[in-house]
Structure formats: structure tokens, C-alpha cells
Amino acid sequence: METARTGGRVRAFRKLKGFTQQSFADRMHMSVSVVGEIERGTRVAEDDFIERASDLLGIPVNELLGENK
């Protein structure tokens, strides 16, 4: 499932960059429960979330999504 795969990548990069779920949610200006749902794959990560998350994590969108150029 693509949603779960994307959420897993968000979680992995978040942890790699040293963010807790709470600190990541705070910086994204959203609730920690929404971040958790995205990471578990029970909520679709909207394009706006993906763009803001990639900026915060300092990685290109295609890397966050696991897409090759």
C-alpha cells in the first residue's frame, strides 16, 4: 500500500533527522495524532504535507517519496 510506504519513509527520515513525533508535529503546525496516522499509513499524506515535510527534513520530495529521478 502506497500510503503505508510513504508514512514509513516519513517516520524513517524524521527519526534520522532527530525529530520526535511531537517536535516534528510542532514544527509542521499540526497535531501529533495526525503525524502518527500518516506514519502508520491510516491517513493519506496530502501534497502540502509532503512538501512541507521535505523542506523541514532537508530532503527532496522525490527522496521522501522513494521515487527515482
C-alpha atoms as a PDB file:
ATOM      1  CA  MET A   1       0.000   0.000   0.000  1.00  0.00           C
ATOM      2  CA  GLU A   2       1.463   3.336  -1.107  1.00  0.00           C
ATOM      3  CA  THR A   3       0.097   5.266   1.894  1.00  0.00           C
ATOM      4  CA  ALA A   4       1.867   2.971   4.370  1.00  0.00           C
ATOM      5  CA  ARG A   5       5.096   3.086   2.371  1.00  0.00           C
ATOM      6  CA  THR A   6       5.090   6.891   2.309  1.00  0.00           C
ATOM      7  CA  GLY A   7       4.289   7.057   6.013  1.00  0.00           C
ATOM      8  CA  GLY A   8       7.118   4.673   6.811  1.00  0.00           C
ATOM      9  CA  ARG A   9       9.544   6.843   4.860  1.00  0.00           C
ATOM     10  CA  VAL A  10       8.334   9.960   6.696  1.00  0.00           C
ATOM     11  CA  ARG A  11       8.920   8.151  10.010  1.00  0.00           C
ATOM     12  CA  ALA A  12      12.371   6.918   8.999  1.00  0.00           C
ATOM     13  CA  PHE A  13      13.594  10.324   7.820  1.00  0.00           C
ATOM     14  CA  ARG A  14      12.034  12.055  10.844  1.00  0.00           C
ATOM     15  CA  LYS A  15      13.957   9.774  13.178  1.00  0.00           C
ATOM     16  CA  LEU A  16      17.131  10.036  11.103  1.00  0.00           C
ATOM     17  CA  LYS A  17      16.990  13.821  11.404  1.00  0.00           C
ATOM     18  CA  GLY A  18      16.483  13.594  15.188  1.00  0.00           C
ATOM     19  CA  PHE A  19      12.864  14.716  15.472  1.00  0.00           C
ATOM     20  CA  THR A  20      10.464  13.153  17.924  1.00  0.00           C
ATOM     21  CA  GLN A  21       6.937  12.785  16.646  1.00  0.00           C
ATOM     22  CA  GLN A  22       5.911  15.674  18.916  1.00  0.00           C
ATOM     23  CA  SER A  23       8.706  18.014  17.819  1.00  0.00           C
ATOM     24  CA  PHE A  24       8.038  17.189  14.160  1.00  0.00           C
ATOM     25  CA  ALA A  25       4.307  17.850  14.587  1.00  0.00           C
ATOM     26  CA  ASP A  26       5.038  21.135  16.351  1.00  0.00           C
ATOM     27  CA  ARG A  27       7.319  22.306  13.537  1.00  0.00           C
ATOM     28  CA  MET A  28       4.730  21.204  10.952  1.00  0.00           C
ATOM     29  CA  HIS A  29       1.987  23.104  12.866  1.00  0.00           C
ATOM     30  CA  MET A  30      -0.228  20.041  13.159  1.00  0.00           C
ATOM     31  CA  SER A  31      -1.298  17.604  15.833  1.00  0.00           C
ATOM     32  CA  VAL A  32       0.874  14.679  16.784  1.00  0.00           C
ATOM     33  CA  SER A  33      -2.073  12.354  16.193  1.00  0.00           C
ATOM     34  CA  VAL A  34      -2.242  13.376  12.515  1.00  0.00           C
ATOM     35  CA  VAL A  35       1.504  12.795  12.106  1.00  0.00           C
ATOM     36  CA  GLY A  36       1.094   9.376  13.732  1.00  0.00           C
ATOM     37  CA  GLU A  37      -1.760   8.458  11.413  1.00  0.00           C
ATOM     38  CA  ILE A  38       0.288   9.447   8.363  1.00  0.00           C
ATOM     39  CA  GLU A  39       3.290   7.467   9.600  1.00  0.00           C
ATOM     40  CA  ARG A  40       1.126   4.377  10.260  1.00  0.00           C
ATOM     41  CA  GLY A  41      -0.486   4.686   6.834  1.00  0.00           C
ATOM     42  CA  THR A  42      -4.018   5.178   8.127  1.00  0.00           C
ATOM     43  CA  ARG A  43      -4.176   8.722   6.700  1.00  0.00           C
ATOM     44  CA  VAL A  44      -3.111   9.871   3.256  1.00  0.00           C
ATOM     45  CA  ALA A  45      -0.275  12.384   3.265  1.00  0.00           C
ATOM     46  CA  GLU A  46      -1.563  15.323   1.226  1.00  0.00           C
ATOM     47  CA  ASP A  47       0.757  17.081  -1.225  1.00  0.00           C
ATOM     48  CA  ASP A  48       1.077  20.094   1.085  1.00  0.00           C
ATOM     49  CA  PHE A  49       2.219  17.848   3.946  1.00  0.00           C
ATOM     50  CA  ILE A  50       4.790  16.114   1.721  1.00  0.00           C
ATOM     51  CA  GLU A  51       6.208  19.434   0.501  1.00  0.00           C
ATOM     52  CA  ARG A  52       6.432  20.933   3.992  1.00  0.00           C
ATOM     53  CA  ALA A  53       7.887  17.743   5.464  1.00  0.00           C
ATOM     54  CA  SER A  54      10.572  17.525   2.787  1.00  0.00           C
ATOM     55  CA  ASP A  55      11.521  21.164   3.461  1.00  0.00           C
ATOM     56  CA  LEU A  56      11.683  20.586   7.214  1.00  0.00           C
ATOM     57  CA  LEU A  57      13.703  17.391   6.790  1.00  0.00           C
ATOM     58  CA  GLY A  58      16.007  18.972   4.212  1.00  0.00           C
ATOM     59  CA  ILE A  59      15.451  16.341   1.533  1.00  0.00           C
ATOM     60  CA  PRO A  60      13.909  16.466  -1.947  1.00  0.00           C
ATOM     61  CA  VAL A  61      10.266  15.426  -2.293  1.00  0.00           C
ATOM     62  CA  ASN A  62      11.169  12.544  -4.612  1.00  0.00           C
ATOM     63  CA  GLU A  63      13.586  11.170  -1.985  1.00  0.00           C
ATOM     64  CA  LEU A  64      10.915  11.371   0.714  1.00  0.00           C
ATOM     65  CA  LEU A  65       8.521   9.516  -1.576  1.00  0.00           C
ATOM     66  CA  GLY A  66      11.139   6.972  -2.647  1.00  0.00           C
ATOM     67  CA  GLU A  67      10.928   7.944  -6.300  1.00  0.00           C
ATOM     68  CA  ASN A  68      13.886   7.802  -8.647  1.00  0.00           C
ATOM     69  CA  LYS A  69      14.640  10.667 -10.996  1.00  0.00           C
END
